[in-house]
């Protein structure tokens, strides 16, 4: 793995609450500090707090993000050469994502001997990972909470996993390799 000056990263990840915005903001600042070009959908005006996203705005946002990954007519190659995909879906403090009752999750955990903790990446980020993978753009997964298990389609579509901001800095600055996923697959 090598990072050169021509590499431009697409930073994919959720930014729907303060915890998510802070994490993406820390990543963006690191790219700026290291003088590595990047595109982050979070920094676009239409994503400002309080902006209502109507159908026309949604189409503009999609087209802008899409153009960063997909070669456009008359332009050689995509705008971004690599993707850093934040697969953590941080929730506000003291809030849990509920996809089933605690009793059902505990029952599933006991029956199949798995952790009842469920980490779900953002669906938009998953879409961007799939698109990048289909276009042969290397994807590096970033997480602060290494998952105990990961969907096969995610684990196999990334070049590896970067664990935390210190590892990200080392990966970008010192050209260390991402770690291979070693958990269980689902």
N, C-alpha and C. Protein backbone atom coordinates (compact mmCIF):
# COMPACT_ATOMS: atom_id res chain seq x y z
N UNK A 1 0.85 -1.17 0.00
CA UNK A 1 0.00 0.00 0.00
C UNK A 1 0.89 1.23 0.00
N UNK A 2 0.59 2.15 -0.87
CA UNK A 2 1.34 3.40 -0.85
C UNK A 2 0.41 4.58 -1.05
N UNK A 3 0.70 5.65 -0.38
CA UNK A 3 -0.07 6.87 -0.50
C UNK A 3 0.82 7.87 -1.23
N UNK A 4 0.34 8.40 -2.33
CA UNK A 4 1.09 9.40 -3.07
C UNK A 4 0.30 10.70 -3.08
N UNK A 5 0.94 11.76 -3.54
CA UNK A 5 0.27 13.05 -3.57
C UNK A 5 -0.95 13.07 -4.48
N UNK A 6 -0.98 12.21 -5.49
CA UNK A 6 -2.13 12.23 -6.39
C UNK A 6 -3.34 11.51 -5.81
N UNK A 7 -3.17 10.72 -4.76
CA UNK A 7 -4.31 10.02 -4.16
C UNK A 7 -5.30 11.03 -3.58
N UNK A 8 -6.56 10.84 -3.92
CA UNK A 8 -7.62 11.64 -3.32
C UNK A 8 -8.62 10.68 -2.72
N UNK A 9 -8.89 10.84 -1.45
CA UNK A 9 -9.78 9.95 -0.73
C UNK A 9 -11.21 10.48 -0.70
N UNK A 10 -12.13 9.58 -0.80
CA UNK A 10 -13.54 9.85 -0.55
C UNK A 10 -13.80 9.39 0.88
N UNK A 11 -14.23 10.28 1.74
CA UNK A 11 -14.51 9.91 3.13
C UNK A 11 -15.99 9.61 3.25
N UNK A 12 -16.33 8.34 3.33
CA UNK A 12 -17.72 7.90 3.44
C UNK A 12 -18.02 7.62 4.91
N UNK A 13 -19.17 8.06 5.35
CA UNK A 13 -19.56 7.79 6.73
C UNK A 13 -20.75 8.64 7.14
N UNK A 14 -21.42 8.24 8.20
CA UNK A 14 -22.60 8.97 8.65
C UNK A 14 -22.23 10.25 9.39
N UNK A 15 -23.10 11.25 9.27
CA UNK A 15 -22.91 12.51 10.01
C UNK A 15 -24.27 13.07 10.39
N UNK A 16 -25.05 12.24 11.08
CA UNK A 16 -26.41 12.58 11.44
C UNK A 16 -26.56 13.09 12.88
N UNK A 17 -25.54 12.91 13.70
CA UNK A 17 -25.60 13.41 15.08
C UNK A 17 -24.21 13.94 15.45
N UNK A 18 -24.11 14.56 16.62
CA UNK A 18 -22.86 15.21 17.01
C UNK A 18 -21.68 14.23 17.12
N UNK A 19 -21.92 13.04 17.65
CA UNK A 19 -20.84 12.06 17.78
C UNK A 19 -20.29 11.69 16.40
N UNK A 20 -21.19 11.46 15.45
CA UNK A 20 -20.76 11.11 14.10
C UNK A 20 -20.03 12.28 13.43
N UNK A 21 -20.58 13.50 13.58
CA UNK A 21 -19.96 14.69 12.99
C UNK A 21 -18.57 14.91 13.58
N UNK A 22 -18.42 14.70 14.88
CA UNK A 22 -17.11 14.87 15.52
C UNK A 22 -16.09 13.89 14.98
N UNK A 23 -16.49 12.63 14.81
CA UNK A 23 -15.57 11.63 14.29
C UNK A 23 -15.16 11.97 12.86
N UNK A 24 -16.13 12.25 12.00
CA UNK A 24 -15.81 12.60 10.60
C UNK A 24 -14.96 13.87 10.58
N UNK A 25 -15.29 14.85 11.43
CA UNK A 25 -14.50 16.08 11.51
C UNK A 25 -13.06 15.82 11.92
N UNK A 26 -12.84 14.93 12.87
CA UNK A 26 -11.47 14.57 13.28
C UNK A 26 -10.71 13.93 12.13
N UNK A 27 -11.38 13.09 11.37
CA UNK A 27 -10.75 12.46 10.20
C UNK A 27 -10.40 13.51 9.15
N UNK A 28 -11.34 14.40 8.87
CA UNK A 28 -11.09 15.47 7.88
C UNK A 28 -9.89 16.32 8.31
N UNK A 29 -9.83 16.69 9.59
CA UNK A 29 -8.70 17.51 10.08
C UNK A 29 -7.38 16.76 9.91
N UNK A 30 -7.38 15.46 10.11
CA UNK A 30 -6.15 14.68 9.94
C UNK A 30 -5.70 14.73 8.48
N UNK A 31 -6.64 14.56 7.56
CA UNK A 31 -6.29 14.65 6.14
C UNK A 31 -5.72 16.03 5.81
N UNK A 32 -6.33 17.09 6.36
CA UNK A 32 -5.82 18.44 6.14
C UNK A 32 -4.42 18.60 6.72
N UNK A 33 -4.22 18.12 7.97
CA UNK A 33 -2.92 18.21 8.62
C UNK A 33 -1.83 17.51 7.82
N UNK A 34 -2.18 16.39 7.20
CA UNK A 34 -1.21 15.61 6.43
C UNK A 34 -1.16 16.02 4.96
N UNK A 35 -1.95 17.03 4.60
CA UNK A 35 -1.98 17.55 3.23
C UNK A 35 -2.33 16.46 2.21
N UNK A 36 -3.33 15.65 2.58
CA UNK A 36 -3.81 14.59 1.68
C UNK A 36 -5.16 15.04 1.14
N UNK A 37 -5.30 15.11 -0.18
CA UNK A 37 -6.57 15.55 -0.77
C UNK A 37 -7.71 14.59 -0.43
N UNK A 38 -8.90 15.15 -0.21
CA UNK A 38 -10.06 14.32 0.10
C UNK A 38 -11.34 15.03 -0.32
N UNK A 39 -12.38 14.25 -0.44
CA UNK A 39 -13.74 14.75 -0.62
C UNK A 39 -14.56 14.20 0.53
N UNK A 40 -15.29 15.06 1.21
CA UNK A 40 -16.17 14.63 2.29
C UNK A 40 -17.55 15.22 2.05
N UNK A 41 -18.57 14.38 1.84
CA UNK A 41 -19.91 14.90 1.64
C UNK A 41 -20.37 15.80 2.78
N UNK A 42 -19.86 15.58 3.98
CA UNK A 42 -20.27 16.36 5.14
C UNK A 42 -19.97 17.84 4.97
N UNK A 43 -18.96 18.18 4.22
CA UNK A 43 -18.53 19.57 4.08
C UNK A 43 -19.32 20.35 3.03
N UNK A 44 -20.22 19.72 2.35
CA UNK A 44 -20.98 20.39 1.29
C UNK A 44 -22.11 21.22 1.89
N UNK A 45 -22.36 22.38 1.31
CA UNK A 45 -23.33 23.33 1.84
C UNK A 45 -24.71 22.73 2.07
N UNK A 46 -25.17 21.90 1.16
CA UNK A 46 -26.52 21.35 1.29
C UNK A 46 -26.66 20.46 2.52
N UNK A 47 -25.55 20.02 3.08
CA UNK A 47 -25.59 19.17 4.26
C UNK A 47 -25.50 19.99 5.55
N UNK A 48 -25.65 21.31 5.45
CA UNK A 48 -25.60 22.17 6.64
C UNK A 48 -26.80 21.90 7.53
N UNK A 49 -26.62 22.04 8.85
CA UNK A 49 -27.74 21.84 9.77
C UNK A 49 -28.91 22.76 9.42
N UNK A 50 -30.10 22.26 9.50
CA UNK A 50 -31.29 23.05 9.25
C UNK A 50 -31.74 23.08 7.80
N UNK A 51 -30.89 22.64 6.88
CA UNK A 51 -31.30 22.59 5.48
C UNK A 51 -32.29 21.46 5.27
N UNK A 52 -33.42 21.80 4.68
CA UNK A 52 -34.38 20.76 4.34
C UNK A 52 -33.98 20.20 2.99
N UNK A 53 -33.99 18.90 2.88
CA UNK A 53 -33.58 18.26 1.64
C UNK A 53 -34.82 17.81 0.89
N UNK A 54 -35.15 18.57 -0.16
CA UNK A 54 -36.29 18.19 -1.00
C UNK A 54 -35.78 17.26 -2.11
N UNK A 55 -36.65 16.87 -3.02
CA UNK A 55 -36.27 15.93 -4.09
C UNK A 55 -35.14 16.49 -4.96
N UNK A 56 -35.21 17.77 -5.29
CA UNK A 56 -34.18 18.37 -6.15
C UNK A 56 -32.83 18.38 -5.43
N UNK A 57 -32.83 18.75 -4.14
CA UNK A 57 -31.57 18.75 -3.38
C UNK A 57 -31.02 17.35 -3.23
N UNK A 58 -31.89 16.37 -3.00
CA UNK A 58 -31.44 14.98 -2.89
C UNK A 58 -30.77 14.53 -4.18
N UNK A 59 -31.34 14.90 -5.32
CA UNK A 59 -30.74 14.53 -6.61
C UNK A 59 -29.38 15.20 -6.79
N UNK A 60 -29.26 16.48 -6.41
CA UNK A 60 -27.97 17.19 -6.52
C UNK A 60 -26.91 16.54 -5.62
N UNK A 61 -27.30 16.21 -4.40
CA UNK A 61 -26.35 15.59 -3.47
C UNK A 61 -25.88 14.24 -4.02
N UNK A 62 -26.81 13.43 -4.48
CA UNK A 62 -26.44 12.13 -5.04
C UNK A 62 -25.51 12.31 -6.24
N UNK A 63 -25.87 13.19 -7.17
CA UNK A 63 -25.06 13.40 -8.37
C UNK A 63 -23.65 13.88 -8.02
N UNK A 64 -23.54 14.79 -7.06
CA UNK A 64 -22.23 15.31 -6.65
C UNK A 64 -21.37 14.19 -6.06
N UNK A 65 -21.94 13.42 -5.15
CA UNK A 65 -21.19 12.34 -4.52
C UNK A 65 -20.83 11.25 -5.54
N UNK A 66 -21.78 10.92 -6.39
CA UNK A 66 -21.58 9.91 -7.43
C UNK A 66 -20.42 10.31 -8.35
N UNK A 67 -20.37 11.59 -8.71
CA UNK A 67 -19.33 12.07 -9.62
C UNK A 67 -17.93 11.95 -9.03
N UNK A 68 -17.82 11.87 -7.71
CA UNK A 68 -16.51 11.71 -7.09
C UNK A 68 -15.95 10.30 -7.28
N UNK A 69 -16.84 9.35 -7.53
CA UNK A 69 -16.43 7.95 -7.65
C UNK A 69 -16.52 7.39 -9.06
N UNK A 70 -17.42 7.91 -9.86
CA UNK A 70 -17.68 7.35 -11.19
C UNK A 70 -17.11 8.28 -12.25
N UNK A 71 -16.32 7.73 -13.20
CA UNK A 71 -15.80 8.58 -14.27
C UNK A 71 -16.93 9.27 -15.02
N UNK A 72 -16.77 10.57 -15.27
CA UNK A 72 -17.77 11.35 -15.98
C UNK A 72 -17.34 11.53 -17.42
N UNK A 73 -18.30 11.72 -18.34
CA UNK A 73 -17.95 11.94 -19.75
C UNK A 73 -16.96 13.09 -19.90
N UNK A 74 -15.91 12.84 -20.69
CA UNK A 74 -14.91 13.87 -20.94
C UNK A 74 -13.87 14.02 -19.86
N UNK A 75 -13.98 13.23 -18.78
CA UNK A 75 -13.02 13.31 -17.68
C UNK A 75 -12.37 11.93 -17.54
N UNK A 76 -11.06 11.91 -17.44
CA UNK A 76 -10.37 10.63 -17.27
C UNK A 76 -10.47 10.20 -15.81
N UNK A 77 -11.09 9.09 -15.58
CA UNK A 77 -11.13 8.49 -14.25
C UNK A 77 -12.01 9.22 -13.26
N UNK A 78 -12.23 8.61 -12.12
CA UNK A 78 -13.03 9.25 -11.07
C UNK A 78 -12.24 10.35 -10.38
N UNK A 79 -12.94 11.21 -9.66
CA UNK A 79 -12.27 12.26 -8.89
C UNK A 79 -11.45 11.67 -7.75
N UNK A 80 -11.98 10.62 -7.10
CA UNK A 80 -11.31 10.01 -5.95
C UNK A 80 -10.70 8.67 -6.32
N UNK A 81 -9.49 8.43 -5.82
CA UNK A 81 -8.76 7.19 -6.12
C UNK A 81 -8.96 6.11 -5.07
N UNK A 82 -9.32 6.54 -3.84
CA UNK A 82 -9.44 5.61 -2.72
C UNK A 82 -10.61 6.04 -1.85
N UNK A 83 -11.08 5.12 -1.02
CA UNK A 83 -12.17 5.45 -0.10
C UNK A 83 -11.79 5.05 1.32
N UNK A 84 -12.07 5.94 2.25
CA UNK A 84 -12.02 5.61 3.67
C UNK A 84 -13.46 5.56 4.12
N UNK A 85 -13.93 4.40 4.51
CA UNK A 85 -15.33 4.21 4.89
C UNK A 85 -15.45 4.00 6.39
N UNK A 86 -16.12 4.94 7.06
CA UNK A 86 -16.34 4.84 8.49
C UNK A 86 -17.51 3.89 8.70
N UNK A 87 -17.22 2.72 9.27
CA UNK A 87 -18.28 1.71 9.42
C UNK A 87 -18.92 1.74 10.80
N UNK A 88 -18.43 2.62 11.70
CA UNK A 88 -19.10 2.81 12.98
C UNK A 88 -20.35 3.65 12.76
N UNK A 89 -21.43 3.31 13.43
CA UNK A 89 -22.63 4.14 13.40
C UNK A 89 -22.85 4.61 14.82
N UNK A 90 -22.14 5.68 15.17
CA UNK A 90 -22.20 6.20 16.54
C UNK A 90 -23.57 6.80 16.82
N UNK A 91 -24.13 6.41 17.94
CA UNK A 91 -25.40 6.98 18.39
C UNK A 91 -25.12 7.98 19.50
N UNK A 92 -26.02 8.94 19.69
CA UNK A 92 -25.83 9.87 20.81
C UNK A 92 -25.70 9.10 22.12
N UNK A 93 -24.99 9.68 23.06
CA UNK A 93 -24.79 9.03 24.36
C UNK A 93 -26.13 8.62 24.97
N UNK A 94 -26.14 7.47 25.59
CA UNK A 94 -27.33 6.90 26.26
C UNK A 94 -28.47 6.56 25.30
N UNK A 95 -28.18 6.44 24.02
CA UNK A 95 -29.20 6.02 23.07
C UNK A 95 -28.75 4.73 22.41
N UNK A 96 -29.68 3.79 22.26
CA UNK A 96 -29.36 2.52 21.62
C UNK A 96 -30.22 2.35 20.39
N UNK A 97 -29.65 1.66 19.40
CA UNK A 97 -30.40 1.32 18.21
C UNK A 97 -31.20 0.07 18.53
N UNK A 98 -32.49 0.11 18.34
CA UNK A 98 -33.32 -1.03 18.68
C UNK A 98 -33.91 -1.63 17.41
N UNK A 99 -33.42 -2.81 17.06
CA UNK A 99 -33.98 -3.52 15.91
C UNK A 99 -34.86 -4.67 16.39
N UNK A 100 -34.78 -4.98 17.65
CA UNK A 100 -35.61 -6.01 18.27
C UNK A 100 -35.59 -5.77 19.77
N UNK A 101 -36.50 -6.38 20.47
CA UNK A 101 -36.52 -6.19 21.92
C UNK A 101 -35.26 -6.81 22.54
N UNK A 102 -34.88 -6.32 23.71
CA UNK A 102 -33.72 -6.86 24.41
C UNK A 102 -33.89 -8.35 24.68
N UNK A 103 -35.12 -8.77 25.00
CA UNK A 103 -35.38 -10.18 25.25
C UNK A 103 -35.09 -11.02 24.01
N UNK A 104 -35.53 -10.53 22.84
CA UNK A 104 -35.28 -11.28 21.59
C UNK A 104 -33.80 -11.32 21.26
N UNK A 105 -33.10 -10.19 21.45
CA UNK A 105 -31.67 -10.17 21.18
C UNK A 105 -30.93 -11.12 22.12
N UNK A 106 -31.31 -11.13 23.41
CA UNK A 106 -30.69 -12.04 24.37
C UNK A 106 -30.96 -13.50 24.01
N UNK A 107 -32.18 -13.79 23.55
CA UNK A 107 -32.54 -15.15 23.15
C UNK A 107 -31.69 -15.59 21.96
N UNK A 108 -31.55 -14.71 20.96
CA UNK A 108 -30.72 -15.01 19.78
C UNK A 108 -29.27 -15.21 20.20
N UNK A 109 -28.79 -14.33 21.08
CA UNK A 109 -27.40 -14.44 21.54
C UNK A 109 -27.14 -15.76 22.24
N UNK A 110 -28.09 -16.20 23.07
CA UNK A 110 -27.94 -17.46 23.79
C UNK A 110 -28.04 -18.65 22.83
N UNK A 111 -29.03 -18.63 21.96
CA UNK A 111 -29.26 -19.75 21.03
C UNK A 111 -28.08 -19.98 20.10
N UNK A 112 -27.52 -18.88 19.56
CA UNK A 112 -26.44 -19.02 18.58
C UNK A 112 -25.07 -18.67 19.14
N UNK A 113 -24.99 -18.45 20.44
CA UNK A 113 -23.72 -18.16 21.09
C UNK A 113 -22.99 -16.98 20.44
N UNK A 114 -23.72 -15.88 20.27
CA UNK A 114 -23.13 -14.66 19.71
C UNK A 114 -23.41 -13.51 20.67
N UNK A 115 -22.68 -12.43 20.49
CA UNK A 115 -22.90 -11.24 21.31
C UNK A 115 -24.22 -10.59 20.91
N UNK A 116 -25.00 -10.13 21.89
CA UNK A 116 -26.24 -9.43 21.54
C UNK A 116 -25.98 -8.02 21.02
N UNK A 117 -24.73 -7.54 21.13
CA UNK A 117 -24.40 -6.22 20.63
C UNK A 117 -24.36 -6.25 19.12
N UNK A 118 -25.06 -5.32 18.52
CA UNK A 118 -25.17 -5.28 17.07
C UNK A 118 -24.63 -3.95 16.57
N UNK A 119 -23.63 -3.98 15.72
CA UNK A 119 -23.08 -2.78 15.12
C UNK A 119 -23.50 -2.75 13.66
N UNK A 120 -24.20 -1.71 13.29
CA UNK A 120 -24.68 -1.58 11.93
C UNK A 120 -24.02 -0.38 11.26
N UNK A 121 -23.39 -0.57 10.11
CA UNK A 121 -22.88 0.60 9.40
C UNK A 121 -24.04 1.36 8.76
N UNK A 122 -23.81 2.61 8.44
CA UNK A 122 -24.79 3.45 7.78
C UNK A 122 -25.10 2.88 6.39
N UNK A 123 -26.38 2.86 6.02
CA UNK A 123 -26.77 2.27 4.74
C UNK A 123 -26.20 3.05 3.56
N UNK A 124 -26.10 4.37 3.67
CA UNK A 124 -25.49 5.16 2.60
C UNK A 124 -24.03 4.82 2.42
N UNK A 125 -23.33 4.61 3.54
CA UNK A 125 -21.92 4.23 3.49
C UNK A 125 -21.76 2.86 2.85
N UNK A 126 -22.66 1.94 3.18
CA UNK A 126 -22.60 0.60 2.57
C UNK A 126 -22.80 0.70 1.06
N UNK A 127 -23.73 1.55 0.62
CA UNK A 127 -23.93 1.76 -0.81
C UNK A 127 -22.66 2.29 -1.46
N UNK A 128 -22.02 3.29 -0.82
CA UNK A 128 -20.80 3.87 -1.37
C UNK A 128 -19.66 2.85 -1.43
N UNK A 129 -19.57 1.99 -0.42
CA UNK A 129 -18.56 0.93 -0.43
C UNK A 129 -18.79 0.00 -1.62
N UNK A 130 -20.04 -0.40 -1.82
CA UNK A 130 -20.36 -1.29 -2.94
C UNK A 130 -20.05 -0.66 -4.28
N UNK A 131 -20.37 0.62 -4.43
CA UNK A 131 -20.10 1.30 -5.68
C UNK A 131 -18.59 1.38 -5.92
N UNK A 132 -17.83 1.75 -4.89
CA UNK A 132 -16.38 1.84 -5.03
C UNK A 132 -15.78 0.48 -5.38
N UNK A 133 -16.26 -0.55 -4.71
CA UNK A 133 -15.76 -1.90 -4.98
C UNK A 133 -16.04 -2.30 -6.43
N UNK A 134 -17.24 -2.03 -6.91
CA UNK A 134 -17.59 -2.37 -8.30
C UNK A 134 -16.72 -1.62 -9.30
N UNK A 135 -16.26 -0.43 -8.92
CA UNK A 135 -15.42 0.38 -9.80
C UNK A 135 -13.93 0.16 -9.57
N UNK A 136 -13.60 -0.83 -8.73
CA UNK A 136 -12.20 -1.18 -8.43
C UNK A 136 -11.45 -0.05 -7.74
N UNK A 137 -12.16 0.72 -6.92
CA UNK A 137 -11.54 1.76 -6.10
C UNK A 137 -11.25 1.13 -4.74
N UNK A 138 -10.01 1.13 -4.29
CA UNK A 138 -9.69 0.51 -3.00
C UNK A 138 -10.47 1.17 -1.85
N UNK A 139 -11.03 0.33 -0.98
CA UNK A 139 -11.80 0.80 0.17
C UNK A 139 -11.09 0.34 1.44
N UNK A 140 -10.89 1.28 2.35
CA UNK A 140 -10.30 0.99 3.65
C UNK A 140 -11.36 1.28 4.70
N UNK A 141 -11.73 0.28 5.48
CA UNK A 141 -12.75 0.44 6.51
C UNK A 141 -12.11 1.06 7.75
N UNK A 142 -12.80 2.02 8.35
CA UNK A 142 -12.33 2.66 9.57
C UNK A 142 -13.33 2.38 10.67
N UNK A 143 -12.83 2.00 11.84
CA UNK A 143 -13.70 1.78 13.00
C UNK A 143 -12.96 2.11 14.28
N UNK A 144 -13.69 2.64 15.23
CA UNK A 144 -13.14 2.80 16.58
C UNK A 144 -13.56 1.63 17.46
N UNK A 145 -14.53 0.86 16.99
CA UNK A 145 -15.05 -0.29 17.73
C UNK A 145 -14.98 -1.52 16.84
N UNK A 146 -13.85 -2.22 16.82
CA UNK A 146 -13.73 -3.37 15.94
C UNK A 146 -14.89 -4.35 16.15
N UNK A 147 -15.58 -4.70 15.07
CA UNK A 147 -16.74 -5.58 15.20
C UNK A 147 -16.32 -7.02 15.51
N UNK A 148 -17.17 -7.70 16.30
CA UNK A 148 -16.94 -9.11 16.59
C UNK A 148 -17.29 -9.96 15.38
N UNK A 149 -18.22 -9.45 14.59
CA UNK A 149 -18.61 -10.16 13.37
C UNK A 149 -18.96 -9.10 12.32
N UNK A 150 -18.76 -9.49 11.06
CA UNK A 150 -19.00 -8.54 9.98
C UNK A 150 -19.61 -9.28 8.80
N UNK A 151 -20.49 -8.61 8.12
CA UNK A 151 -21.09 -9.16 6.92
C UNK A 151 -19.98 -9.49 5.92
N UNK A 152 -20.06 -10.65 5.30
CA UNK A 152 -19.05 -11.10 4.35
C UNK A 152 -18.86 -10.08 3.22
N UNK A 153 -19.93 -9.51 2.73
CA UNK A 153 -19.84 -8.58 1.61
C UNK A 153 -19.05 -7.32 2.01
N UNK A 154 -19.12 -6.92 3.28
CA UNK A 154 -18.32 -5.78 3.73
C UNK A 154 -16.87 -6.19 3.96
N UNK A 155 -16.66 -7.28 4.67
CA UNK A 155 -15.28 -7.67 5.00
C UNK A 155 -14.48 -7.98 3.74
N UNK A 156 -15.13 -8.53 2.72
CA UNK A 156 -14.41 -8.92 1.51
C UNK A 156 -14.28 -7.77 0.50
N UNK A 157 -15.00 -6.69 0.70
CA UNK A 157 -14.92 -5.58 -0.26
C UNK A 157 -13.92 -4.52 0.17
N UNK A 158 -13.28 -4.71 1.32
CA UNK A 158 -12.31 -3.73 1.79
C UNK A 158 -10.89 -4.30 1.73
N UNK A 159 -9.95 -3.39 1.65
CA UNK A 159 -8.53 -3.77 1.64
C UNK A 159 -8.06 -4.15 3.04
N UNK A 160 -8.82 -3.76 4.03
CA UNK A 160 -8.48 -4.03 5.42
C UNK A 160 -9.17 -3.03 6.32
N UNK A 161 -8.90 -3.16 7.61
CA UNK A 161 -9.57 -2.32 8.61
C UNK A 161 -8.53 -1.47 9.33
N UNK A 162 -8.89 -0.21 9.53
CA UNK A 162 -8.07 0.73 10.27
C UNK A 162 -8.77 0.96 11.60
N UNK A 163 -8.07 0.66 12.69
CA UNK A 163 -8.65 0.73 14.04
C UNK A 163 -8.25 2.02 14.74
N UNK A 164 -9.10 3.02 14.69
CA UNK A 164 -8.90 4.25 15.46
C UNK A 164 -8.05 5.29 14.74
N UNK A 165 -8.06 6.49 15.32
CA UNK A 165 -7.39 7.63 14.71
C UNK A 165 -5.87 7.49 14.69
N UNK A 166 -5.28 6.87 15.73
CA UNK A 166 -3.83 6.68 15.73
C UNK A 166 -3.39 5.77 14.59
N UNK A 167 -4.14 4.68 14.38
CA UNK A 167 -3.81 3.77 13.28
C UNK A 167 -4.02 4.47 11.94
N UNK A 168 -5.06 5.30 11.84
CA UNK A 168 -5.30 6.03 10.59
C UNK A 168 -4.12 6.95 10.28
N UNK A 169 -3.65 7.68 11.28
CA UNK A 169 -2.50 8.57 11.05
C UNK A 169 -1.29 7.76 10.59
N UNK A 170 -1.03 6.64 11.22
CA UNK A 170 0.08 5.78 10.83
C UNK A 170 -0.11 5.26 9.41
N UNK A 171 -1.31 4.86 9.09
CA UNK A 171 -1.65 4.35 7.75
C UNK A 171 -1.37 5.42 6.69
N UNK A 172 -1.81 6.64 6.95
CA UNK A 172 -1.67 7.72 5.97
C UNK A 172 -0.26 8.29 5.92
N UNK A 173 0.35 8.46 7.09
CA UNK A 173 1.63 9.15 7.18
C UNK A 173 2.82 8.21 6.98
N UNK A 174 2.75 7.06 7.61
CA UNK A 174 3.90 6.16 7.60
C UNK A 174 3.70 5.00 6.64
N UNK A 175 2.56 5.01 5.96
CA UNK A 175 2.24 3.99 4.95
C UNK A 175 2.19 2.57 5.52
N UNK A 176 1.68 2.46 6.76
CA UNK A 176 1.48 1.13 7.32
C UNK A 176 0.26 0.50 6.66
N UNK A 177 0.17 -0.79 6.72
CA UNK A 177 -0.95 -1.50 6.10
C UNK A 177 -2.16 -1.52 7.02
N UNK A 178 -3.36 -1.57 6.43
CA UNK A 178 -4.54 -1.80 7.26
C UNK A 178 -4.50 -3.23 7.77
N UNK A 179 -5.25 -3.51 8.82
CA UNK A 179 -5.28 -4.85 9.38
C UNK A 179 -6.31 -5.70 8.65
N UNK A 180 -6.01 -6.97 8.45
CA UNK A 180 -7.03 -7.84 7.86
C UNK A 180 -8.13 -8.09 8.88
N UNK A 181 -9.34 -8.30 8.41
CA UNK A 181 -10.45 -8.59 9.32
C UNK A 181 -10.26 -9.99 9.86
N UNK A 182 -10.32 -10.14 11.19
CA UNK A 182 -10.08 -11.45 11.84
C UNK A 182 -11.31 -11.97 12.62
N UNK A 183 -12.42 -11.26 12.56
CA UNK A 183 -13.60 -11.67 13.32
C UNK A 183 -14.42 -12.72 12.59
N UNK A 184 -15.62 -12.94 13.11
CA UNK A 184 -16.54 -13.89 12.50
C UNK A 184 -17.27 -13.23 11.34
N UNK A 185 -17.66 -14.05 10.39
CA UNK A 185 -18.44 -13.55 9.24
C UNK A 185 -19.89 -13.95 9.40
N UNK A 186 -20.76 -13.07 8.92
CA UNK A 186 -22.19 -13.37 8.88
C UNK A 186 -22.71 -13.12 7.50
